[in-house]
Amino acid sequence: MGLQALIRDELSLSSWLIVGGTLQALATTVLPRRFALIPIAFLATWGLTSLALTLIGYKTNSRLDGVRQGRFSALMPSSSTPSPSEKEDSTNDEDTTPGDVTLFILGVTSTHPLGKLAPGMRDIGAHFQGMLNEAAANRTKYGFLGSSPPMLCTDSSSSNALITLTYWRSPQHLREFNSGPTHTAGLRWYAKASKKYPHIGIMHELYSAKAGGWENVQHNFRPMGMSLTKYPIVQEDGQEEIVGAKILTGGPRMANMKARMGVKLRSDDEEL
């Protein structure tokens, strides 16, 4: 999630209107009246012109940046050396392997009037990023598959909680990571910080699914979740290579939910 989204979330709509009104009032006070409306007129004209050019196709739609068109699903690649087709989009699942998945959801929030700018929020963010970096650097040891970009909840008008989805091979791998130095340091920091910074709140949920008990599908969507996972595989020379999930774009495995879970299809199964 970008810095712009974080800043935008820190103020409610009414607060942003107050900020805008205050700036316009200052402009009216400082500048001659005939010039005071130039900034807002320019911004309004620019915004409407940009929208019109995008709608008629003369300007690239920035909302499509990173969006993958079409229907696709992410599968786990096989643990051996990948064939050339495994590194590309495919309509077959020959180079994939069933696997367990553990989903660990972590959330952080601030109830301080300063929101995410409150004391301690930068520190907890640094600890969390350090944990992700350590997990990514030791994927085989910790069974770390990847994480989603931080996501904002929308239940409040401002200062919403940040949620991150992380993916692991198993709860056992996650416990191994939890006993590691980076997580231990973060846990000790929070044990003290929770008393000093009572405005900081955290949460987590854990779900574990055996092979055949999970699936995913995306359509005209920016890749997220399982589509962003990465896997260490062994090459012919014995060296490890980190590869992304195999992206399936068609074929029998894409027929419906059961097919993507690896369940044998019946003729009366409906597409989902």
C-alpha atoms as a PDB file:
ATOM      1  CA  MET A   1       0.000   0.000   0.000  1.00  0.00           C
ATOM      2  CA  GLY A   2       1.363   3.392  -0.988  1.00  0.00           C
ATOM      3  CA  LEU A   3       2.194   6.349   1.212  1.00  0.00           C
ATOM      4  CA  GLN A   4      -0.591   8.343  -0.443  1.00  0.00           C
ATOM      5  CA  ALA A   5      -3.212   5.882   0.801  1.00  0.00           C
ATOM      6  CA  LEU A   6      -1.818   6.001   4.340  1.00  0.00           C
ATOM      7  CA  ILE A   7      -1.898   9.805   4.398  1.00  0.00           C
ATOM      8  CA  ARG A   8      -5.401   9.888   2.946  1.00  0.00           C
ATOM      9  CA  ASP A   9      -6.639   7.496   5.632  1.00  0.00           C
ATOM     10  CA  GLU A  10      -5.338   9.625   8.493  1.00  0.00           C
ATOM     11  CA  LEU A  11      -8.045  12.286   8.057  1.00  0.00           C
ATOM     12  CA  SER A  12     -11.799  11.910   7.681  1.00  0.00           C
ATOM     13  CA  LEU A  13     -13.636  13.444   4.718  1.00  0.00           C
ATOM     14  CA  SER A  14     -14.792  16.388   6.836  1.00  0.00           C
ATOM     15  CA  SER A  15     -11.206  17.003   7.964  1.00  0.00           C
ATOM     16  CA  TRP A  16      -9.949  17.063   4.386  1.00  0.00           C
ATOM     17  CA  LEU A  17     -12.707  19.541   3.494  1.00  0.00           C
ATOM     18  CA  ILE A  18     -11.609  21.742   6.393  1.00  0.00           C
ATOM     19  CA  VAL A  19      -7.992  21.557   5.201  1.00  0.00           C
ATOM     20  CA  GLY A  20      -9.021  22.503   1.681  1.00  0.00           C
ATOM     21  CA  GLY A  21     -11.232  25.334   2.883  1.00  0.00           C
ATOM     22  CA  THR A  22      -8.477  26.685   5.114  1.00  0.00           C
ATOM     23  CA  LEU A  23      -5.946  26.687   2.274  1.00  0.00           C
ATOM     24  CA  GLN A  24      -8.425  28.462   0.008  1.00  0.00           C
ATOM     25  CA  ALA A  25      -9.136  31.047   2.702  1.00  0.00           C
ATOM     26  CA  LEU A  26      -5.408  31.680   3.095  1.00  0.00           C
ATOM     27  CA  ALA A  27      -5.043  32.060  -0.662  1.00  0.00           C
ATOM     28  CA  THR A  28      -7.887  34.575  -0.696  1.00  0.00           C
ATOM     29  CA  THR A  29      -6.215  36.529   2.109  1.00  0.00           C
ATOM     30  CA  VAL A  30      -2.729  36.578   0.587  1.00  0.00           C
ATOM     31  CA  LEU A  31      -3.490  36.827  -3.135  1.00  0.00           C
ATOM     32  CA  PRO A  32      -5.608  39.328  -5.040  1.00  0.00           C
ATOM     33  CA  ARG A  33      -9.155  38.041  -5.456  1.00  0.00           C
ATOM     34  CA  ARG A  34      -8.788  37.493  -9.211  1.00  0.00           C
ATOM     35  CA  PHE A  35      -5.796  35.213  -8.566  1.00  0.00           C
ATOM     36  CA  ALA A  36      -7.089  33.419  -5.473  1.00  0.00           C
ATOM     37  CA  LEU A  37      -9.314  31.075  -7.479  1.00  0.00           C
ATOM     38  CA  ILE A  38      -6.605  30.139  -9.984  1.00  0.00           C
ATOM     39  CA  PRO A  39      -5.247  27.136  -7.986  1.00  0.00           C
ATOM     40  CA  ILE A  40      -8.648  25.511  -7.453  1.00  0.00           C
ATOM     41  CA  ALA A  41      -9.727  26.289 -11.024  1.00  0.00           C
ATOM     42  CA  PHE A  42      -6.519  24.748 -12.352  1.00  0.00           C
ATOM     43  CA  LEU A  43      -6.883  21.590 -10.247  1.00  0.00           C
ATOM     44  CA  ALA A  44     -10.546  21.162 -11.198  1.00  0.00           C
ATOM     45  CA  THR A  45      -9.795  21.657 -14.898  1.00  0.00           C
ATOM     46  CA  TRP A  46      -6.841  19.276 -14.743  1.00  0.00           C
ATOM     47  CA  GLY A  47      -8.878  16.588 -12.996  1.00  0.00           C
ATOM     48  CA  LEU A  48     -11.847  16.803 -15.368  1.00  0.00           C
ATOM     49  CA  THR A  49      -9.599  16.907 -18.440  1.00  0.00           C
ATOM     50  CA  SER A  50      -7.619  13.893 -17.238  1.00  0.00           C
ATOM     51  CA  LEU A  51     -10.844  11.967 -16.593  1.00  0.00           C
ATOM     52  CA  ALA A  52     -12.238  12.826 -20.030  1.00  0.00           C
ATOM     53  CA  LEU A  53      -9.010  11.824 -21.817  1.00  0.00           C
ATOM     54  CA  THR A  54      -8.962   8.530 -19.918  1.00  0.00           C
ATOM     55  CA  LEU A  55     -12.598   7.766 -20.737  1.00  0.00           C
ATOM     56  CA  ILE A  56     -12.074   8.290 -24.486  1.00  0.00           C
ATOM     57  CA  GLY A  57      -8.828   6.324 -24.491  1.00  0.00           C
ATOM     58  CA  TYR A  58      -6.288   9.091 -25.090  1.00  0.00           C
ATOM     59  CA  LYS A  59      -4.769   8.700 -21.631  1.00  0.00           C
ATOM     60  CA  THR A  60      -3.666   5.514 -19.914  1.00  0.00           C
ATOM     61  CA  ASN A  61      -5.941   4.425 -17.097  1.00  0.00           C
ATOM     62  CA  SER A  62      -3.611   4.350 -14.085  1.00  0.00           C
ATOM     63  CA  ARG A  63      -6.078   2.121 -12.229  1.00  0.00           C
ATOM     64  CA  LEU A  64      -5.094  -0.681 -14.597  1.00  0.00           C
ATOM     65  CA  ASP A  65      -1.449  -0.539 -13.517  1.00  0.00           C
ATOM     66  CA  GLY A  66      -0.462  -4.030 -12.430  1.00  0.00           C
ATOM     67  CA  VAL A  67      -3.894  -5.493 -13.184  1.00  0.00           C
ATOM     68  CA  ARG A  68      -3.820  -8.868 -14.904  1.00  0.00           C
ATOM     69  CA  GLN A  69      -6.571  -9.250 -17.469  1.00  0.00           C
ATOM     70  CA  GLY A  70      -8.427 -12.537 -17.771  1.00  0.00           C
ATOM     71  CA  ARG A  71      -9.076 -15.378 -15.356  1.00  0.00           C
ATOM     72  CA  PHE A  72      -6.191 -17.073 -13.575  1.00  0.00           C
ATOM     73  CA  SER A  73      -5.263 -19.175 -10.572  1.00  0.00           C
ATOM     74  CA  ALA A  74      -2.003 -19.683  -8.670  1.00  0.00           C
ATOM     75  CA  LEU A  75      -0.689 -23.204  -7.994  1.00  0.00           C
ATOM     76  CA  MET A  76       2.355 -24.441  -6.129  1.00  0.00           C
ATOM     77  CA  PRO A  77       5.231 -25.348  -8.478  1.00  0.00           C
ATOM     78  CA  SER A  78       6.948 -28.707  -8.104  1.00  0.00           C
ATOM     79  CA  SER A  79       9.948 -28.797  -5.803  1.00  0.00           C
ATOM     80  CA  SER A  80      12.324 -30.040  -8.515  1.00  0.00           C
ATOM     81  CA  THR A  81      13.965 -28.121 -11.341  1.00  0.00           C
ATOM     82  CA  PRO A  82      11.215 -26.337 -13.295  1.00  0.00           C
ATOM     83  CA  SER A  83      10.689 -26.936 -16.961  1.00  0.00           C
ATOM     84  CA  PRO A  84      10.625 -23.828 -19.199  1.00  0.00           C
ATOM     85  CA  SER A  85       6.821 -23.990 -19.314  1.00  0.00           C
ATOM     86  CA  GLU A  86       6.600 -23.879 -15.524  1.00  0.00           C
ATOM     87  CA  LYS A  87       7.983 -20.347 -15.467  1.00  0.00           C
ATOM     88  CA  GLU A  88       5.297 -19.130 -17.850  1.00  0.00           C
ATOM     89  CA  ASP A  89       1.518 -19.009 -17.875  1.00  0.00           C
ATOM     90  CA  SER A  90       0.036 -22.382 -18.670  1.00  0.00           C
ATOM     91  CA  THR A  91      -3.181 -24.306 -19.210  1.00  0.00           C
ATOM     92  CA  ASN A  92      -1.870 -27.511 -17.598  1.00  0.00           C
ATOM     93  CA  ASP A  93      -0.807 -28.347 -14.069  1.00  0.00           C
ATOM     94  CA  GLU A  94       1.868 -30.946 -14.869  1.00  0.00           C
ATOM     95  CA  ASP A  95       4.657 -29.049 -13.115  1.00  0.00           C
ATOM     96  CA  THR A  96       2.716 -28.403  -9.913  1.00  0.00           C
ATOM     97  CA  THR A  97       2.454 -30.256  -6.650  1.00  0.00           C
ATOM     98  CA  PRO A  98      -0.272 -30.381  -3.978  1.00  0.00           C
ATOM     99  CA  GLY A  99       0.738 -28.696  -0.754  1.00  0.00           C
ATOM    100  CA  ASP A 100      -0.497 -27.538   2.622  1.00  0.00           C
ATOM    101  CA  VAL A 101      -0.979 -23.822   3.230  1.00  0.00           C
ATOM    102  CA  THR A 102      -1.101 -21.897   6.486  1.00  0.00           C
ATOM    103  CA  LEU A 103      -2.568 -18.402   6.411  1.00  0.00           C
ATOM    104  CA  PHE A 104      -1.461 -16.051   9.179  1.00  0.00           C
ATOM    105  CA  ILE A 105      -3.328 -12.727   9.338  1.00  0.00           C
ATOM    106  CA  LEU A 106      -1.687  -9.928  11.288  1.00  0.00           C
ATOM    107  CA  GLY A 107      -3.236  -6.554  12.078  1.00  0.00           C
ATOM    108  CA  VAL A 108      -2.100  -3.364  13.778  1.00  0.00           C
ATOM    109  CA  THR A 109      -4.069  -0.260  14.708  1.00  0.00           C
ATOM    110  CA  SER A 110      -3.610   3.043  16.491  1.00  0.00           C
ATOM    111  CA  THR A 111      -6.312   4.742  18.560  1.00  0.00           C
ATOM    112  CA  HIS A 112      -4.129   7.791  19.190  1.00  0.00           C
ATOM    113  CA  PRO A 113      -5.399  11.170  17.887  1.00  0.00           C
ATOM    114  CA  LEU A 114      -2.317  11.240  15.637  1.00  0.00           C
ATOM    115  CA  GLY A 115      -3.242   7.875  14.148  1.00  0.00           C
ATOM    116  CA  LYS A 116      -0.324   6.144  12.455  1.00  0.00           C
ATOM    117  CA  LEU A 117       1.926   9.097  13.295  1.00  0.00           C
ATOM    118  CA  ALA A 118       1.570   8.321  17.002  1.00  0.00           C
ATOM    119  CA  PRO A 119       4.578   7.388  19.153  1.00  0.00           C
ATOM    120  CA  GLY A 120       5.573   3.755  18.768  1.00  0.00           C
ATOM    121  CA  MET A 121       3.893   3.171  15.405  1.00  0.00           C
ATOM    122  CA  ARG A 122       7.105   3.646  13.462  1.00  0.00           C
ATOM    123  CA  ASP A 123       8.896   1.229  15.786  1.00  0.00           C
ATOM    124  CA  ILE A 124       6.298  -1.515  15.462  1.00  0.00           C
ATOM    125  CA  GLY A 125       6.345  -1.061  11.696  1.00  0.00           C
ATOM    126  CA  ALA A 126      10.117  -1.500  11.657  1.00  0.00           C
ATOM    127  CA  HIS A 127       9.878  -4.669  13.755  1.00  0.00           C
ATOM    128  CA  PHE A 128       7.222  -6.109  11.474  1.00  0.00           C
ATOM    129  CA  GLN A 129       9.196  -5.320   8.330  1.00  0.00           C
ATOM    130  CA  GLY A 130      12.258  -6.903   9.893  1.00  0.00           C
ATOM    131  CA  MET A 131      10.264 -10.087  10.517  1.00  0.00           C
ATOM    132  CA  LEU A 132       9.125 -10.236   6.897  1.00  0.00           C
ATOM    133  CA  ASN A 133      12.693  -9.673   5.698  1.00  0.00           C
ATOM    134  CA  GLU A 134      14.030 -12.490   7.874  1.00  0.00           C
ATOM    135  CA  ALA A 135      11.281 -14.870   6.763  1.00  0.00           C
ATOM    136  CA  ALA A 136      11.910 -14.058   3.089  1.00  0.00           C
ATOM    137  CA  ALA A 137      15.648 -14.597   3.510  1.00  0.00           C
ATOM    138  CA  ASN A 138      15.064 -18.071   5.032  1.00  0.00           C
ATOM    139  CA  ARG A 139      12.156 -19.468   3.021  1.00  0.00           C
ATOM    140  CA  THR A 140      13.255 -23.100   3.239  1.00  0.00           C
ATOM    141  CA  LYS A 141      13.925 -23.015   6.978  1.00  0.00           C
ATOM    142  CA  TYR A 142      10.722 -21.200   7.926  1.00  0.00           C
ATOM    143  CA  GLY A 143       8.454 -22.397   5.127  1.00  0.00           C
ATOM    144  CA  PHE A 144       7.612 -18.793   4.277  1.00  0.00           C
ATOM    145  CA  LEU A 145       5.730 -18.454   0.991  1.00  0.00           C
ATOM    146  CA  GLY A 146       5.029 -14.733   0.874  1.00  0.00           C
ATOM    147  CA  SER A 147       2.736 -11.941   1.966  1.00  0.00           C
ATOM    148  CA  SER A 148       0.213  -9.494   0.622  1.00  0.00           C
ATOM    149  CA  PRO A 149       0.779  -5.734   0.611  1.00  0.00           C
ATOM    150  CA  PRO A 150      -0.692  -4.115   3.749  1.00  0.00           C
ATOM    151  CA  MET A 151      -4.429  -3.532   3.407  1.00  0.00           C
ATOM    152  CA  LEU A 152      -6.610  -0.923   5.105  1.00  0.00           C
ATOM    153  CA  CYS A 153      -9.824  -1.820   6.893  1.00  0.00           C
ATOM    154  CA  THR A 154     -12.720   0.518   6.103  1.00  0.00           C
ATOM    155  CA  ASP A 155     -14.859   0.326   9.229  1.00  0.00           C
ATOM    156  CA  SER A 156     -13.760   3.769  10.484  1.00  0.00           C
ATOM    157  CA  SER A 157     -13.773   7.188   8.837  1.00  0.00           C
ATOM    158  CA  SER A 158     -10.028   7.513   9.440  1.00  0.00           C
ATOM    159  CA  SER A 159      -7.009   5.822  11.053  1.00  0.00           C
ATOM    160  CA  ASN A 160      -8.145   2.350  10.017  1.00  0.00           C
ATOM    161  CA  ALA A 161      -6.313  -0.814  10.997  1.00  0.00           C
ATOM    162  CA  LEU A 162      -3.616  -2.238   8.719  1.00  0.00           C
ATOM    163  CA  ILE A 163      -3.964  -5.922   7.840  1.00  0.00           C
ATOM    164  CA  THR A 164      -1.315  -8.149   6.231  1.00  0.00           C
ATOM    165  CA  LEU A 165      -1.828 -11.696   4.961  1.00  0.00           C
ATOM    166  CA  THR A 166       1.174 -14.012   5.228  1.00  0.00           C
ATOM    167  CA  TYR A 167       1.466 -17.526   3.805  1.00  0.00           C
ATOM    168  CA  TRP A 168       3.472 -20.437   5.250  1.00  0.00           C
ATOM    169  CA  ARG A 169       3.959 -24.144   4.623  1.00  0.00           C
ATOM    170  CA  SER A 170       2.590 -25.233   7.996  1.00  0.00           C
ATOM    171  CA  PRO A 171       1.916 -24.112  11.578  1.00  0.00           C
ATOM    172  CA  GLN A 172       5.113 -25.951  12.545  1.00  0.00           C
ATOM    173  CA  HIS A 173       7.149 -23.735  10.222  1.00  0.00           C
ATOM    174  CA  LEU A 174       5.463 -20.661  11.672  1.00  0.00           C
ATOM    175  CA  ARG A 175       6.283 -21.788  15.209  1.00  0.00           C
ATOM    176  CA  GLU A 176       9.897 -22.259  14.117  1.00  0.00           C
ATOM    177  CA  PHE A 177       9.926 -18.678  12.882  1.00  0.00           C
ATOM    178  CA  ASN A 178       8.262 -17.413  16.060  1.00  0.00           C
ATOM    179  CA  SER A 179      11.145 -18.799  18.110  1.00  0.00           C
ATOM    180  CA  GLY A 180      13.694 -17.031  15.887  1.00  0.00           C
ATOM    181  CA  PRO A 181      15.660 -13.936  16.922  1.00  0.00           C
ATOM    182  CA  THR A 182      13.733 -11.288  14.983  1.00  0.00           C
ATOM    183  CA  HIS A 183      10.272 -12.320  16.145  1.00  0.00           C
ATOM    184  CA  THR A 184      11.522 -12.789  19.704  1.00  0.00           C
ATOM    185  CA  ALA A 185      12.978  -9.269  19.698  1.00  0.00           C
ATOM    186  CA  GLY A 186       9.729  -7.843  18.347  1.00  0.00           C
ATOM    187  CA  LEU A 187       7.675  -9.716  20.923  1.00  0.00           C
ATOM    188  CA  ARG A 188       9.835  -8.446  23.771  1.00  0.00           C
ATOM    189  CA  TRP A 189       9.590  -4.899  22.437  1.00  0.00           C
ATOM    190  CA  TYR A 190       5.798  -5.071  22.306  1.00  0.00           C
ATOM    191  CA  ALA A 191       5.559  -6.549  25.803  1.00  0.00           C
ATOM    192  CA  LYS A 192       7.116  -3.324  27.090  1.00  0.00           C
ATOM    193  CA  ALA A 193       5.611  -0.970  24.504  1.00  0.00           C
ATOM    194  CA  SER A 194       2.040  -2.106  25.171  1.00  0.00           C
ATOM    195  CA  LYS A 195       2.266  -0.437  28.583  1.00  0.00           C
ATOM    196  CA  LYS A 196       3.993   2.679  27.291  1.00  0.00           C
ATOM    197  CA  TYR A 197       1.821   2.973  24.178  1.00  0.00           C
ATOM    198  CA  PRO A 198      -1.672   1.713  25.090  1.00  0.00           C
ATOM    199  CA  HIS A 199      -2.995   3.246  21.861  1.00  0.00           C
ATOM    200  CA  ILE A 200      -1.279   0.522  19.807  1.00  0.00           C
ATOM    201  CA  GLY A 201      -3.336  -2.602  19.207  1.00  0.00           C
ATOM    202  CA  ILE A 202      -2.429  -5.803  17.387  1.00  0.00           C
ATOM    203  CA  MET A 203      -4.310  -8.951  16.360  1.00  0.00           C
ATOM    204  CA  HIS A 204      -3.736 -12.179  14.497  1.00  0.00           C
ATOM    205  CA  GLU A 205      -5.664 -15.135  13.134  1.00  0.00           C
ATOM    206  CA  LEU A 206      -4.283 -18.421  11.832  1.00  0.00           C
ATOM    207  CA  TYR A 207      -5.841 -20.914   9.420  1.00  0.00           C
ATOM    208  CA  SER A 208      -4.245 -24.125   8.193  1.00  0.00           C
ATOM    209  CA  ALA A 209      -5.477 -26.009   5.117  1.00  0.00           C
ATOM    210  CA  LYS A 210      -4.244 -29.382   3.940  1.00  0.00           C
ATOM    211  CA  ALA A 211      -3.496 -30.075   0.287  1.00  0.00           C
ATOM    212  CA  GLY A 212      -6.806 -30.212  -1.554  1.00  0.00           C
ATOM    213  CA  GLY A 213      -8.452 -27.945   1.000  1.00  0.00           C
ATOM    214  CA  TRP A 214      -7.728 -24.575  -0.591  1.00  0.00           C
ATOM    215  CA  GLU A 215      -7.936 -22.832  -3.957  1.00  0.00           C
ATOM    216  CA  ASN A 216      -7.866 -19.367  -5.475  1.00  0.00           C
ATOM    217  CA  VAL A 217      -9.061 -17.574  -8.591  1.00  0.00           C
ATOM    218  CA  GLN A 218      -8.733 -14.005  -9.833  1.00  0.00           C
ATOM    219  CA  HIS A 219     -10.252 -12.253 -12.827  1.00  0.00           C
ATOM    220  CA  ASN A 220      -9.189  -8.835 -14.141  1.00  0.00           C
ATOM    221  CA  PHE A 221      -7.416  -8.302 -10.844  1.00  0.00           C
ATOM    222  CA  ARG A 222      -4.075  -7.071  -9.566  1.00  0.00           C
ATOM    223  CA  PRO A 223      -2.208 -10.215  -8.409  1.00  0.00           C
ATOM    224  CA  MET A 224      -2.390 -10.707  -4.659  1.00  0.00           C
ATOM    225  CA  GLY A 225      -2.425 -13.464  -2.078  1.00  0.00           C
ATOM    226  CA  MET A 226      -1.295 -16.834  -3.440  1.00  0.00           C
ATOM    227  CA  SER A 227      -0.398 -15.218  -6.766  1.00  0.00           C
ATOM    228  CA  LEU A 228       2.466 -13.418  -5.013  1.00  0.00           C
ATOM    229  CA  THR A 229       3.899 -16.455  -3.223  1.00  0.00           C
ATOM    230  CA  LYS A 230       7.419 -17.705  -3.970  1.00  0.00           C
ATOM    231  CA  TYR A 231       9.018 -21.122  -3.636  1.00  0.00           C
ATOM    232  CA  PRO A 232      12.600 -22.401  -3.267  1.00  0.00           C
ATOM    233  CA  ILE A 233      13.259 -25.204  -5.761  1.00  0.00           C
ATOM    234  CA  VAL A 234      16.352 -27.307  -6.407  1.00  0.00           C
ATOM    235  CA  GLN A 235      18.088 -26.963  -9.761  1.00  0.00           C
ATOM    236  CA  GLU A 236      20.012 -29.730 -11.506  1.00  0.00           C
ATOM    237  CA  ASP A 237      23.293 -28.456 -10.059  1.00  0.00           C
ATOM    238  CA  GLY A 238      21.878 -28.663  -6.549  1.00  0.00           C
ATOM    239  CA  GLN A 239      21.485 -24.917  -6.115  1.00  0.00           C
ATOM    240  CA  GLU A 240      18.255 -23.364  -4.908  1.00  0.00           C
ATOM    241  CA  GLU A 241      16.262 -20.988  -7.076  1.00  0.00           C
ATOM    242  CA  ILE A 242      13.338 -18.874  -5.901  1.00  0.00           C
ATOM    243  CA  VAL A 243      10.415 -19.055  -8.341  1.00  0.00           C
ATOM    244  CA  GLY A 244       6.923 -17.637  -8.263  1.00  0.00           C
ATOM    245  CA  ALA A 245       3.667 -19.550  -8.184  1.00  0.00           C
ATOM    246  CA  LYS A 246       2.643 -21.265 -11.401  1.00  0.00           C
ATOM    247  CA  ILE A 247      -0.117 -19.225 -13.003  1.00  0.00           C
ATOM    248  CA  LEU A 248      -2.838 -21.332 -14.586  1.00  0.00           C
ATOM    249  CA  THR A 249      -4.949 -19.532 -17.187  1.00  0.00           C
ATOM    250  CA  GLY A 250      -7.118 -22.329 -18.550  1.00  0.00           C
ATOM    251  CA  GLY A 251      -7.625 -26.062 -18.912  1.00  0.00           C
ATOM    252  CA  PRO A 252      -9.623 -28.584 -16.842  1.00  0.00           C
ATOM    253  CA  ARG A 253      -8.047 -27.432 -13.564  1.00  0.00           C
ATOM    254  CA  MET A 254      -9.701 -24.025 -14.026  1.00  0.00           C
ATOM    255  CA  ALA A 255     -13.212 -25.461 -14.477  1.00  0.00           C
ATOM    256  CA  ASN A 256     -14.531 -24.688 -10.990  1.00  0.00           C
ATOM    257  CA  MET A 257     -13.746 -24.593  -7.293  1.00  0.00           C
ATOM    258  CA  LYS A 258     -13.477 -28.371  -6.915  1.00  0.00           C
ATOM    259  CA  ALA A 259     -11.135 -28.629  -9.890  1.00  0.00           C
ATOM    260  CA  ARG A 260      -8.815 -25.957  -8.512  1.00  0.00           C
ATOM    261  CA  MET A 261      -8.785 -27.830  -5.193  1.00  0.00           C
ATOM    262  CA  GLY A 262      -7.731 -30.960  -7.055  1.00  0.00           C
ATOM    263  CA  VAL A 263     -11.023 -32.812  -6.551  1.00  0.00           C
ATOM    264  CA  LYS A 264     -12.045 -35.137  -9.385  1.00  0.00           C
ATOM    265  CA  LEU A 265     -14.824 -33.554 -11.448  1.00  0.00           C
ATOM    266  CA  ARG A 266     -18.282 -34.895 -12.137  1.00  0.00           C
ATOM    267  CA  SER A 267     -20.232 -34.086 -15.269  1.00  0.00           C
ATOM    268  CA  ASP A 268     -22.847 -32.138 -13.292  1.00  0.00           C
ATOM    269  CA  ASP A 269     -20.343 -29.847 -11.550  1.00  0.00           C
ATOM    270  CA  GLU A 270     -21.079 -26.190 -12.174  1.00  0.00           C
ATOM    271  CA  GLU A 271     -18.498 -23.554 -12.926  1.00  0.00           C
ATOM    272  CA  LEU A 272     -17.579 -21.285 -10.018  1.00  0.00           C
END
